[in-house]
PDB file of N, CA and C in Angstrom:
ATOM      1  N   MET A   1       0.881  -1.281   0.069  1.00  0.00           N
ATOM      2  CA  MET A   1       0.064  -0.007  -0.011  1.00  0.00           C
ATOM      3  C   MET A   1       0.947   1.315  -0.042  1.00  0.00           C
ATOM      4  N   PHE A   2       0.380   2.267  -0.667  1.00  0.00           N
ATOM      5  CA  PHE A   2       1.152   3.561  -0.801  1.00  0.00           C
ATOM      6  C   PHE A   2       0.443   4.721   0.082  1.00  0.00           C
ATOM      7  N   ASN A   3       1.273   5.464   0.763  1.00  0.00           N
ATOM      8  CA  ASN A   3       0.707   6.668   1.410  1.00  0.00           C
ATOM      9  C   ASN A   3       0.793   7.733   0.443  1.00  0.00           C
ATOM     10  N   ILE A   4      -0.386   8.397  -0.132  1.00  0.00           N
ATOM     11  CA  ILE A   4      -0.458   9.381  -1.039  1.00  0.00           C
ATOM     12  C   ILE A   4      -0.623  10.514  -0.353  1.00  0.00           C
ATOM     13  N   ILE A   5       0.406  11.536  -0.511  1.00  0.00           N
ATOM     14  CA  ILE A   5       0.233  12.887   0.150  1.00  0.00           C
ATOM     15  C   ILE A   5      -0.099  14.104  -0.778  1.00  0.00           C
ATOM     16  N   ASN A   6      -1.099  14.511  -0.580  1.00  0.00           N
ATOM     17  CA  ASN A   6      -2.023  14.190   0.503  1.00  0.00           C
ATOM     18  C   ASN A   6      -3.504  14.302  -0.134  1.00  0.00           C
ATOM     19  N   ARG A   7      -4.396  13.621   0.251  1.00  0.00           N
ATOM     20  CA  ARG A   7      -5.696  13.519  -0.228  1.00  0.00           C
ATOM     21  C   ARG A   7      -6.453  14.915  -0.257  1.00  0.00           C
ATOM     22  N   LYS A   8      -6.120  15.621   0.491  1.00  0.00           N
ATOM     23  CA  LYS A   8      -6.717  17.092   0.627  1.00  0.00           C
ATOM     24  C   LYS A   8      -6.294  17.847  -0.535  1.00  0.00           C
ATOM     25  N   THR A   9      -5.114  17.713  -1.108  1.00  0.00           N
ATOM     26  CA  THR A   9      -4.640  18.241  -2.252  1.00  0.00           C
ATOM     27  C   THR A   9      -5.391  17.895  -3.594  1.00  0.00           C
ATOM     28  N   LEU A  10      -5.587  16.446  -3.770  1.00  0.00           N
ATOM     29  CA  LEU A  10      -6.580  15.858  -4.584  1.00  0.00           C
ATOM     30  C   LEU A  10      -7.948  16.554  -4.725  1.00  0.00           C
ATOM     31  N   ARG A  11      -8.537  16.541  -3.502  1.00  0.00           N
ATOM     32  CA  ARG A  11      -9.808  17.052  -3.349  1.00  0.00           C
ATOM     33  C   ARG A  11      -9.844  18.624  -3.970  1.00  0.00           C
ATOM     34  N   LEU A  12      -8.808  19.246  -3.566  1.00  0.00           N
ATOM     35  CA  LEU A  12      -8.755  20.904  -4.287  1.00  0.00           C
ATOM     36  C   LEU A  12      -8.879  20.751  -5.835  1.00  0.00           C
ATOM     37  N   TYR A  13      -8.083  19.568  -6.317  1.00  0.00           N
ATOM     38  CA  TYR A  13      -7.979  19.688  -7.811  1.00  0.00           C
ATOM     39  C   TYR A  13      -9.393  19.210  -8.239  1.00  0.00           C
ATOM     40  N   ILE A  14      -9.984  18.174  -7.673  1.00  0.00           N
ATOM     41  CA  ILE A  14     -11.160  17.892  -8.012  1.00  0.00           C
ATOM     42  C   ILE A  14     -12.186  19.002  -7.798  1.00  0.00           C
ATOM     43  N   SER A  15     -12.070  19.789  -7.034  1.00  0.00           N
ATOM     44  CA  SER A  15     -13.106  20.988  -6.877  1.00  0.00           C
ATOM     45  C   SER A  15     -12.890  21.978  -8.059  1.00  0.00           C
ATOM     46  N   THR A  16     -11.632  22.058  -8.520  1.00  0.00           N
ATOM     47  CA  THR A  16     -11.461  22.986  -9.750  1.00  0.00           C
ATOM     48  C   THR A  16     -11.869  22.262 -11.019  1.00  0.00           C
ATOM     49  N   TYR A  17     -11.606  20.909 -11.020  1.00  0.00           N
ATOM     50  CA  TYR A  17     -11.600  20.132 -12.328  1.00  0.00           C
ATOM     51  C   TYR A  17     -12.750  18.968 -12.128  1.00  0.00           C
ATOM     52  N   ARG A  18     -14.036  19.427 -12.015  1.00  0.00           N
ATOM     53  CA  ARG A  18     -15.168  18.578 -11.658  1.00  0.00           C
ATOM     54  C   ARG A  18     -15.191  17.270 -12.576  1.00  0.00           C
ATOM     55  N   SER A  19     -14.917  17.471 -13.933  1.00  0.00           N
ATOM     56  CA  SER A  19     -15.191  16.375 -14.940  1.00  0.00           C
ATOM     57  C   SER A  19     -14.076  15.148 -14.737  1.00  0.00           C
ATOM     58  N   ALA A  20     -13.052  15.558 -13.745  1.00  0.00           N
ATOM     59  CA  ALA A  20     -11.957  14.660 -13.511  1.00  0.00           C
ATOM     60  C   ALA A  20     -12.081  13.991 -12.291  1.00  0.00           C
ATOM     61  N   GLU A  21     -13.396  14.109 -11.667  1.00  0.00           N
ATOM     62  CA  GLU A  21     -13.422  13.643 -10.237  1.00  0.00           C
ATOM     63  C   GLU A  21     -13.405  12.083 -10.175  1.00  0.00           C
ATOM     64  N   THR A  22     -14.082  11.460 -11.208  1.00  0.00           N
ATOM     65  CA  THR A  22     -14.236   9.902 -11.163  1.00  0.00           C
ATOM     66  C   THR A  22     -12.749   9.286 -11.393  1.00  0.00           C
ATOM     67  N   ALA A  23     -12.237   9.913 -12.422  1.00  0.00           N
ATOM     68  CA  ALA A  23     -11.089   9.416 -13.000  1.00  0.00           C
ATOM     69  C   ALA A  23      -9.866   9.440 -11.854  1.00  0.00           C
ATOM     70  N   LEU A  24      -9.960  10.689 -11.230  1.00  0.00           N
ATOM     71  CA  LEU A  24      -8.949  10.748 -10.102  1.00  0.00           C
ATOM     72  C   LEU A  24      -9.092   9.919  -9.054  1.00  0.00           C
ATOM     73  N   GLU A  25     -10.300   9.660  -8.657  1.00  0.00           N
ATOM     74  CA  GLU A  25     -10.665   8.806  -7.637  1.00  0.00           C
ATOM     75  C   GLU A  25     -10.291   7.386  -7.908  1.00  0.00           C
ATOM     76  N   VAL A  26     -10.463   6.891  -9.206  1.00  0.00           N
ATOM     77  CA  VAL A  26     -10.076   5.842  -9.657  1.00  0.00           C
ATOM     78  C   VAL A  26      -8.565   5.449  -9.500  1.00  0.00           C
ATOM     79  N   TRP A  27      -7.994   6.587 -10.110  1.00  0.00           N
ATOM     80  CA  TRP A  27      -6.304   6.507  -9.763  1.00  0.00           C
ATOM     81  C   TRP A  27      -5.980   6.410  -8.442  1.00  0.00           C
ATOM     82  N   TYR A  28      -6.576   7.379  -7.497  1.00  0.00           N
ATOM     83  CA  TYR A  28      -6.244   7.355  -6.154  1.00  0.00           C
ATOM     84  C   TYR A  28      -6.412   5.872  -5.492  1.00  0.00           C
ATOM     85  N   ASN A  29      -7.736   5.177  -5.836  1.00  0.00           N
ATOM     86  CA  ASN A  29      -8.100   3.849  -4.996  1.00  0.00           C
ATOM     87  C   ASN A  29      -7.143   2.918  -5.700  1.00  0.00           C
ATOM     88  N   GLU A  30      -6.719   2.848  -6.778  1.00  0.00           N
ATOM     89  CA  GLU A  30      -5.808   1.968  -7.425  1.00  0.00           C
ATOM     90  C   GLU A  30      -4.396   1.963  -6.740  1.00  0.00           C
ATOM     91  N   LEU A  31      -3.820   3.313  -6.682  1.00  0.00           N
ATOM     92  CA  LEU A  31      -2.558   3.412  -6.126  1.00  0.00           C
ATOM     93  C   LEU A  31      -2.419   3.329  -4.694  1.00  0.00           C
ATOM     94  N   VAL A  32      -3.355   3.748  -3.937  1.00  0.00           N
ATOM     95  CA  VAL A  32      -3.370   3.810  -2.500  1.00  0.00           C
ATOM     96  C   VAL A  32      -3.287   2.167  -2.072  1.00  0.00           C
ATOM     97  N   ASN A  33      -3.731   1.106  -2.835  1.00  0.00           N
ATOM     98  CA  ASN A  33      -3.669  -0.031  -2.606  1.00  0.00           C
ATOM     99  C   ASN A  33      -2.741  -1.077  -3.184  1.00  0.00           C
ATOM    100  N   ALA A  34      -1.871  -0.254  -4.024  1.00  0.00           N
ATOM    101  CA  ALA A  34      -0.889  -0.954  -4.885  1.00  0.00           C
ATOM    102  C   ALA A  34       0.350  -1.462  -4.084  1.00  0.00           C
ATOM    103  N   GLU A  35       0.837  -2.593  -4.596  1.00  0.00           N
ATOM    104  CA  GLU A  35       2.049  -3.138  -4.028  1.00  0.00           C
ATOM    105  C   GLU A  35       3.214  -2.940  -4.848  1.00  0.00           C
ATOM    106  N   TYR A  36       3.255  -2.094  -5.880  1.00  0.00           N
ATOM    107  CA  TYR A  36       4.602  -1.990  -6.983  1.00  0.00           C
ATOM    108  C   TYR A  36       5.811  -1.782  -5.915  1.00  0.00           C
ATOM    109  N   THR A  37       6.917  -2.377  -6.396  1.00  0.00           N
ATOM    110  CA  THR A  37       8.245  -2.000  -6.128  1.00  0.00           C
ATOM    111  C   THR A  37       9.046  -1.313  -6.816  1.00  0.00           C
ATOM    112  N   ASN A  38       8.525  -1.027  -8.095  1.00  0.00           N
ATOM    113  CA  ASN A  38       9.395  -0.423  -8.933  1.00  0.00           C
ATOM    114  C   ASN A  38       8.504   0.403 -10.044  1.00  0.00           C
ATOM    115  N   PHE A  39       9.006   1.063 -11.024  1.00  0.00           N
ATOM    116  CA  PHE A  39       8.353   1.606 -12.118  1.00  0.00           C
ATOM    117  C   PHE A  39       7.927   0.702 -13.153  1.00  0.00           C
ATOM    118  N   ASN A  40       8.612  -0.301 -13.382  1.00  0.00           N
ATOM    119  CA  ASN A  40       8.246  -1.310 -14.287  1.00  0.00           C
ATOM    120  C   ASN A  40       6.961  -1.962 -13.978  1.00  0.00           C
ATOM    121  N   GLU A  41       6.831  -2.259 -12.624  1.00  0.00           N
ATOM    122  CA  GLU A  41       5.584  -2.930 -12.164  1.00  0.00           C
ATOM    123  C   GLU A  41       4.485  -2.036 -12.360  1.00  0.00           C
ATOM    124  N   LEU A  42       4.580  -0.787 -11.828  1.00  0.00           N
ATOM    125  CA  LEU A  42       3.423   0.124 -12.177  1.00  0.00           C
ATOM    126  C   LEU A  42       3.236   0.409 -13.654  1.00  0.00           C
ATOM    127  N   LYS A  43       4.184   0.453 -14.411  1.00  0.00           N
ATOM    128  CA  LYS A  43       3.927   0.731 -16.063  1.00  0.00           C
ATOM    129  C   LYS A  43       3.023  -0.496 -16.513  1.00  0.00           C
ATOM    130  N   ARG A  44       3.127  -1.584 -15.999  1.00  0.00           N
ATOM    131  CA  ARG A  44       2.158  -2.735 -16.601  1.00  0.00           C
ATOM    132  C   ARG A  44       0.774  -2.407 -16.124  1.00  0.00           C
ATOM    133  N   ASP A  45       0.253  -1.638 -15.035  1.00  0.00           N
ATOM    134  CA  ASP A  45      -1.086  -1.131 -14.923  1.00  0.00           C
ATOM    135  C   ASP A  45      -1.373   0.191 -15.478  1.00  0.00           C
ATOM    136  N   PHE A  46      -0.444   0.803 -15.612  1.00  0.00           N
ATOM    137  CA  PHE A  46      -0.544   2.321 -16.160  1.00  0.00           C
ATOM    138  C   PHE A  46       0.439   2.352 -17.244  1.00  0.00           C
ATOM    139  N   PRO A  47      -0.074   1.915 -18.601  1.00  0.00           N
ATOM    140  CA  PRO A  47       1.025   1.880 -19.501  1.00  0.00           C
ATOM    141  C   PRO A  47       1.314   3.302 -20.209  1.00  0.00           C
ATOM    142  N   SER A  48       0.284   4.130 -19.692  1.00  0.00           N
ATOM    143  CA  SER A  48       0.754   5.563 -20.344  1.00  0.00           C
ATOM    144  C   SER A  48       1.525   6.320 -19.401  1.00  0.00           C
ATOM    145  N   ALA A  49       1.897   5.853 -18.287  1.00  0.00           N
ATOM    146  CA  ALA A  49       2.614   6.494 -17.136  1.00  0.00           C
ATOM    147  C   ALA A  49       4.127   6.867 -17.775  1.00  0.00           C
ATOM    148  N   SER A  50       4.702   8.119 -17.489  1.00  0.00           N
ATOM    149  CA  SER A  50       5.925   8.369 -18.045  1.00  0.00           C
ATOM    150  C   SER A  50       6.807   8.775 -16.725  1.00  0.00           C
ATOM    151  N   LEU A  51       8.097   8.215 -16.725  1.00  0.00           N
ATOM    152  CA  LEU A  51       9.060   8.520 -15.763  1.00  0.00           C
ATOM    153  C   LEU A  51       9.869   9.763 -16.256  1.00  0.00           C
ATOM    154  N   LEU A  52       9.976  10.675 -15.398  1.00  0.00           N
ATOM    155  CA  LEU A  52      10.793  12.050 -15.726  1.00  0.00           C
ATOM    156  C   LEU A  52      11.965  12.137 -15.161  1.00  0.00           C
ATOM    157  N   GLY A  53      12.238  11.677 -14.026  1.00  0.00           N
ATOM    158  CA  GLY A  53      13.405  11.946 -13.179  1.00  0.00           C
ATOM    159  C   GLY A  53      13.150  12.605 -11.944  1.00  0.00           C
ATOM    160  N   ASP A  54      14.063  12.637 -10.864  1.00  0.00           N
ATOM    161  CA  ASP A  54      13.699  12.932  -9.525  1.00  0.00           C
ATOM    162  C   ASP A  54      12.480  12.296  -9.089  1.00  0.00           C
ATOM    163  N   ASP A  55      12.376  10.926  -9.396  1.00  0.00           N
ATOM    164  CA  ASP A  55      11.253  10.077  -9.207  1.00  0.00           C
ATOM    165  C   ASP A  55      10.055  10.679  -9.466  1.00  0.00           C
ATOM    166  N   ARG A  56       9.980  11.504 -10.327  1.00  0.00           N
ATOM    167  CA  ARG A  56       8.518  12.141 -10.849  1.00  0.00           C
ATOM    168  C   ARG A  56       8.107  11.330 -11.949  1.00  0.00           C
ATOM    169  N   MET A  57       6.753  11.100 -11.895  1.00  0.00           N
ATOM    170  CA  MET A  57       6.104  10.555 -13.026  1.00  0.00           C
ATOM    171  C   MET A  57       4.712  11.398 -13.438  1.00  0.00           C
ATOM    172  N   ILE A  58       4.393  11.166 -14.680  1.00  0.00           N
ATOM    173  CA  ILE A  58       3.153  11.605 -15.289  1.00  0.00           C
ATOM    174  C   ILE A  58       2.234  10.755 -15.472  1.00  0.00           C
ATOM    175  N   PHE A  59       1.017  10.851 -15.100  1.00  0.00           N
ATOM    176  CA  PHE A  59      -0.134   9.879 -15.524  1.00  0.00           C
ATOM    177  C   PHE A  59      -0.922  10.884 -16.404  1.00  0.00           C
ATOM    178  N   ASN A  60      -1.545  10.084 -17.345  1.00  0.00           N
ATOM    179  CA  ASN A  60      -2.681  10.554 -18.114  1.00  0.00           C
ATOM    180  C   ASN A  60      -3.935  10.397 -17.581  1.00  0.00           C
ATOM    181  N   ILE A  61      -4.654  11.337 -17.266  1.00  0.00           N
ATOM    182  CA  ILE A  61      -5.986  10.997 -16.518  1.00  0.00           C
ATOM    183  C   ILE A  61      -7.216  11.367 -17.477  1.00  0.00           C
ATOM    184  N   LYS A  62      -8.071  10.485 -17.557  1.00  0.00           N
ATOM    185  CA  LYS A  62      -9.459  10.799 -18.354  1.00  0.00           C
ATOM    186  C   LYS A  62      -9.204  10.875 -19.844  1.00  0.00           C
ATOM    187  N   GLY A  63      -8.352   9.770 -20.260  1.00  0.00           N
ATOM    188  CA  GLY A  63      -7.986   9.672 -21.602  1.00  0.00           C
ATOM    189  C   GLY A  63      -7.057  10.736 -22.223  1.00  0.00           C
ATOM    190  N   ASN A  64      -6.197  11.165 -21.417  1.00  0.00           N
ATOM    191  CA  ASN A  64      -5.238  12.075 -21.798  1.00  0.00           C
ATOM    192  C   ASN A  64      -5.922  13.471 -21.548  1.00  0.00           C
ATOM    193  N   GLU A  65      -7.107  13.765 -21.305  1.00  0.00           N
ATOM    194  CA  GLU A  65      -7.489  15.074 -21.223  1.00  0.00           C
ATOM    195  C   GLU A  65      -6.961  15.880 -20.149  1.00  0.00           C
ATOM    196  N   PHE A  66      -6.290  15.229 -19.118  1.00  0.00           N
ATOM    197  CA  PHE A  66      -5.689  15.827 -17.756  1.00  0.00           C
ATOM    198  C   PHE A  66      -4.250  15.129 -17.583  1.00  0.00           C
ATOM    199  N   ARG A  67      -3.497  15.714 -17.076  1.00  0.00           N
ATOM    200  CA  ARG A  67      -2.327  15.273 -16.622  1.00  0.00           C
ATOM    201  C   ARG A  67      -1.967  15.375 -15.105  1.00  0.00           C
ATOM    202  N   LEU A  68      -1.257  14.422 -14.527  1.00  0.00           N
ATOM    203  CA  LEU A  68      -1.208  14.314 -13.074  1.00  0.00           C
ATOM    204  C   LEU A  68       0.382  14.040 -12.888  1.00  0.00           C
ATOM    205  N   VAL A  69       1.136  15.003 -12.090  1.00  0.00           N
ATOM    206  CA  VAL A  69       2.606  14.903 -12.040  1.00  0.00           C
ATOM    207  C   VAL A  69       2.532  14.462 -10.435  1.00  0.00           C
ATOM    208  N   VAL A  70       3.210  13.392 -10.259  1.00  0.00           N
ATOM    209  CA  VAL A  70       3.525  13.142  -8.867  1.00  0.00           C
ATOM    210  C   VAL A  70       4.931  12.422  -8.710  1.00  0.00           C
ATOM    211  N   ARG A  71       5.533  12.619  -7.358  1.00  0.00           N
ATOM    212  CA  ARG A  71       6.664  11.960  -7.301  1.00  0.00           C
ATOM    213  C   ARG A  71       6.454  10.576  -6.261  1.00  0.00           C
ATOM    214  N   VAL A  72       7.003   9.581  -6.772  1.00  0.00           N
ATOM    215  CA  VAL A  72       6.574   8.244  -6.153  1.00  0.00           C
ATOM    216  C   VAL A  72       8.085   7.873  -5.576  1.00  0.00           C
ATOM    217  N   VAL A  73       8.217   7.467  -4.349  1.00  0.00           N
ATOM    218  CA  VAL A  73       9.327   6.824  -3.825  1.00  0.00           C
ATOM    219  C   VAL A  73       9.112   5.390  -3.270  1.00  0.00           C
ATOM    220  N   PHE A  74       9.424   4.387  -4.187  1.00  0.00           N
ATOM    221  CA  PHE A  74       8.992   3.180  -3.953  1.00  0.00           C
ATOM    222  C   PHE A  74       9.564   2.508  -2.754  1.00  0.00           C
ATOM    223  N   THR A  75      10.655   2.908  -2.356  1.00  0.00           N
ATOM    224  CA  THR A  75      11.413   2.386  -1.040  1.00  0.00           C
ATOM    225  C   THR A  75      10.604   2.734   0.115  1.00  0.00           C
ATOM    226  N   TYR A  76       9.990   3.834   0.400  1.00  0.00           N
ATOM    227  CA  TYR A  76       9.012   4.323   1.285  1.00  0.00           C
ATOM    228  C   TYR A  76       7.829   4.277   1.042  1.00  0.00           C
ATOM    229  N   ARG A  77       7.379   3.785  -0.148  1.00  0.00           N
ATOM    230  CA  ARG A  77       5.671   3.652  -0.447  1.00  0.00           C
ATOM    231  C   ARG A  77       5.001   4.856  -0.410  1.00  0.00           C
ATOM    232  N   VAL A  78       5.501   5.950  -0.715  1.00  0.00           N
ATOM    233  CA  VAL A  78       4.944   7.238  -0.744  1.00  0.00           C
ATOM    234  C   VAL A  78       4.843   7.849  -2.220  1.00  0.00           C
ATOM    235  N   ILE A  79       3.535   8.421  -2.480  1.00  0.00           N
ATOM    236  CA  ILE A  79       3.408   9.192  -3.685  1.00  0.00           C
ATOM    237  C   ILE A  79       2.967  10.651  -3.261  1.00  0.00           C
ATOM    238  N   GLN A  80       3.756  11.538  -3.533  1.00  0.00           N
ATOM    239  CA  GLN A  80       3.514  12.977  -3.324  1.00  0.00           C
ATOM    240  C   GLN A  80       2.855  13.505  -4.653  1.00  0.00           C
ATOM    241  N   ILE A  81       1.546  14.101  -4.531  1.00  0.00           N
ATOM    242  CA  ILE A  81       1.028  14.871  -5.758  1.00  0.00           C
ATOM    243  C   ILE A  81       1.724  16.301  -5.678  1.00  0.00           C
ATOM    244  N   LYS A  82       2.062  16.470  -6.996  1.00  0.00           N
ATOM    245  CA  LYS A  82       2.684  17.748  -7.438  1.00  0.00           C
ATOM    246  C   LYS A  82       2.113  18.832  -8.178  1.00  0.00           C
ATOM    247  N   TRP A  83       1.295  17.973  -9.241  1.00  0.00           N
ATOM    248  CA  TRP A  83       0.582  19.035 -10.010  1.00  0.00           C
ATOM    249  C   TRP A  83      -0.683  18.108 -10.550  1.00  0.00           C
ATOM    250  N   PHE A  84      -1.622  19.059 -11.066  1.00  0.00           N
ATOM    251  CA  PHE A  84      -2.750  18.313 -11.895  1.00  0.00           C
ATOM    252  C   PHE A  84      -3.382  19.402 -12.709  1.00  0.00           C
ATOM    253  N   GLY A  85      -3.631  19.247 -14.128  1.00  0.00           N
ATOM    254  CA  GLY A  85      -4.376  20.147 -14.678  1.00  0.00           C
ATOM    255  C   GLY A  85      -4.668  19.532 -16.094  1.00  0.00           C
ATOM    256  N   THR A  86      -5.023  20.495 -17.025  1.00  0.00           N
ATOM    257  CA  THR A  86      -5.435  20.032 -18.201  1.00  0.00           C
ATOM    258  C   THR A  86      -4.163  19.803 -19.087  1.00  0.00           C
ATOM    259  N   HIS A  87      -4.393  18.968 -20.250  1.00  0.00           N
ATOM    260  CA  HIS A  87      -3.020  18.593 -21.181  1.00  0.00           C
ATOM    261  C   HIS A  87      -2.625  20.009 -21.359  1.00  0.00           C
ATOM    262  N   LYS A  88      -3.502  21.061 -21.740  1.00  0.00           N
ATOM    263  CA  LYS A  88      -3.185  22.388 -22.611  1.00  0.00           C
ATOM    264  C   LYS A  88      -2.247  23.092 -21.395  1.00  0.00           C
ATOM    265  N   GLU A  89      -2.610  22.941 -19.973  1.00  0.00           N
ATOM    266  CA  GLU A  89      -1.896  23.412 -18.969  1.00  0.00           C
ATOM    267  C   GLU A  89      -0.648  23.014 -18.805  1.00  0.00           C
ATOM    268  N   TYR A  90      -0.713  21.829 -18.913  1.00  0.00           N
ATOM    269  CA  TYR A  90       0.678  20.873 -18.671  1.00  0.00           C
ATOM    270  C   TYR A  90       1.794  21.486 -19.499  1.00  0.00           C
ATOM    271  N   ASP A  91       1.282  21.880 -20.935  1.00  0.00           N
ATOM    272  CA  ASP A  91       2.179  22.327 -21.885  1.00  0.00           C
ATOM    273  C   ASP A  91       2.999  23.479 -21.326  1.00  0.00           C
ATOM    274  N   ARG A  92       2.364  23.959 -20.362  1.00  0.00           N
ATOM    275  CA  ARG A  92       2.966  25.689 -19.733  1.00  0.00           C
ATOM    276  C   ARG A  92       3.798  25.378 -18.762  1.00  0.00           C
ATOM    277  N   ILE A  93       3.997  24.155 -18.057  1.00  0.00           N
ATOM    278  CA  ILE A  93       4.814  24.046 -16.819  1.00  0.00           C
ATOM    279  C   ILE A  93       6.054  23.230 -17.076  1.00  0.00           C
ATOM    280  N   ASN A  94       6.972  23.171 -15.857  1.00  0.00           N
ATOM    281  CA  ASN A  94       8.042  22.390 -16.045  1.00  0.00           C
ATOM    282  C   ASN A  94       7.698  21.314 -15.001  1.00  0.00           C
ATOM    283  N   PRO A  95       7.432  19.933 -15.444  1.00  0.00           N
ATOM    284  CA  PRO A  95       7.094  18.957 -14.706  1.00  0.00           C
ATOM    285  C   PRO A  95       8.107  18.319 -13.614  1.00  0.00           C
ATOM    286  N   LEU A  96       9.431  18.931 -13.886  1.00  0.00           N
ATOM    287  CA  LEU A  96      10.564  18.547 -12.968  1.00  0.00           C
ATOM    288  C   LEU A  96      10.763  19.438 -11.755  1.00  0.00           C
ATOM    289  N   THR A  97       9.937  20.477 -11.893  1.00  0.00           N
ATOM    290  CA  THR A  97       9.866  21.616 -10.882  1.00  0.00           C
ATOM    291  C   THR A  97       8.762  22.035 -10.243  1.00  0.00           C
ATOM    292  N   VAL A  98       7.692  21.703 -10.974  1.00  0.00           N
ATOM    293  CA  VAL A  98       6.261  22.327 -10.481  1.00  0.00           C
ATOM    294  C   VAL A  98       5.901  21.634  -9.157  1.00  0.00           C
ATOM    295  N   SER A  99       5.060  22.423  -8.463  1.00  0.00           N
ATOM    296  CA  SER A  99       4.727  22.084  -6.977  1.00  0.00           C
ATOM    297  C   SER A  99       3.339  22.448  -6.853  1.00  0.00           C
ATOM    298  N   ASN A 100       2.569  21.876  -5.918  1.00  0.00           N
ATOM    299  CA  ASN A 100       1.218  22.262  -5.651  1.00  0.00           C
ATOM    300  C   ASN A 100       1.030  23.253  -4.574  1.00  0.00           C
ATOM    301  N   LYS A 101       2.152  23.981  -4.347  1.00  0.00           N
ATOM    302  CA  LYS A 101       2.238  25.103  -3.334  1.00  0.00           C
ATOM    303  C   LYS A 101       1.357  26.068  -3.834  1.00  0.00           C
ATOM    304  N   SER A 102       0.997  26.286  -4.994  1.00  0.00           N
ATOM    305  CA  SER A 102      -0.057  27.436  -5.233  1.00  0.00           C
ATOM    306  C   SER A 102      -1.384  27.349  -4.960  1.00  0.00           C
ATOM    307  N   LEU A 103      -1.726  25.976  -4.597  1.00  0.00           N
ATOM    308  CA  LEU A 103      -3.093  25.462  -4.146  1.00  0.00           C
ATOM    309  C   LEU A 103      -3.057  25.834  -2.582  1.00  0.00           C
ATOM    310  N   ARG A 104      -2.295  26.061  -1.908  1.00  0.00           N
ATOM    311  CA  ARG A 104      -2.266  26.134  -0.379  1.00  0.00           C
ATOM    312  C   ARG A 104      -2.606  27.901  -0.068  1.00  0.00           C
ATOM    313  N   LYS A 105      -3.485  28.068   0.655  1.00  0.00           N
ATOM    314  CA  LYS A 105      -3.821  29.362   1.007  1.00  0.00           C
ATOM    315  C   LYS A 105      -3.439  29.671   2.315  1.00  0.00           C
TER     316      LYS A 105
END
């Protein structure tokens, strides 16, 4: 099982992108219960996932309408949500440095 940091961040993204709610919840439920030990194992279930560097990955959500950037540390079984948005918004960020700090009020 993975600890996904943090569900509150995911809920904030869902409140902004309502049409992605079901797809994000499915992603969350699959990953929180997963037993992956490396990227290759994860890739079998998420073939469109891409590994960037610094343990960061991109997931295509809702048929690639949205992109989710996370940091996965398999050793510690932790997934940190870094960013979520539309594919068009993704084209304007640097996925290696983006952070969800802009969501915090």
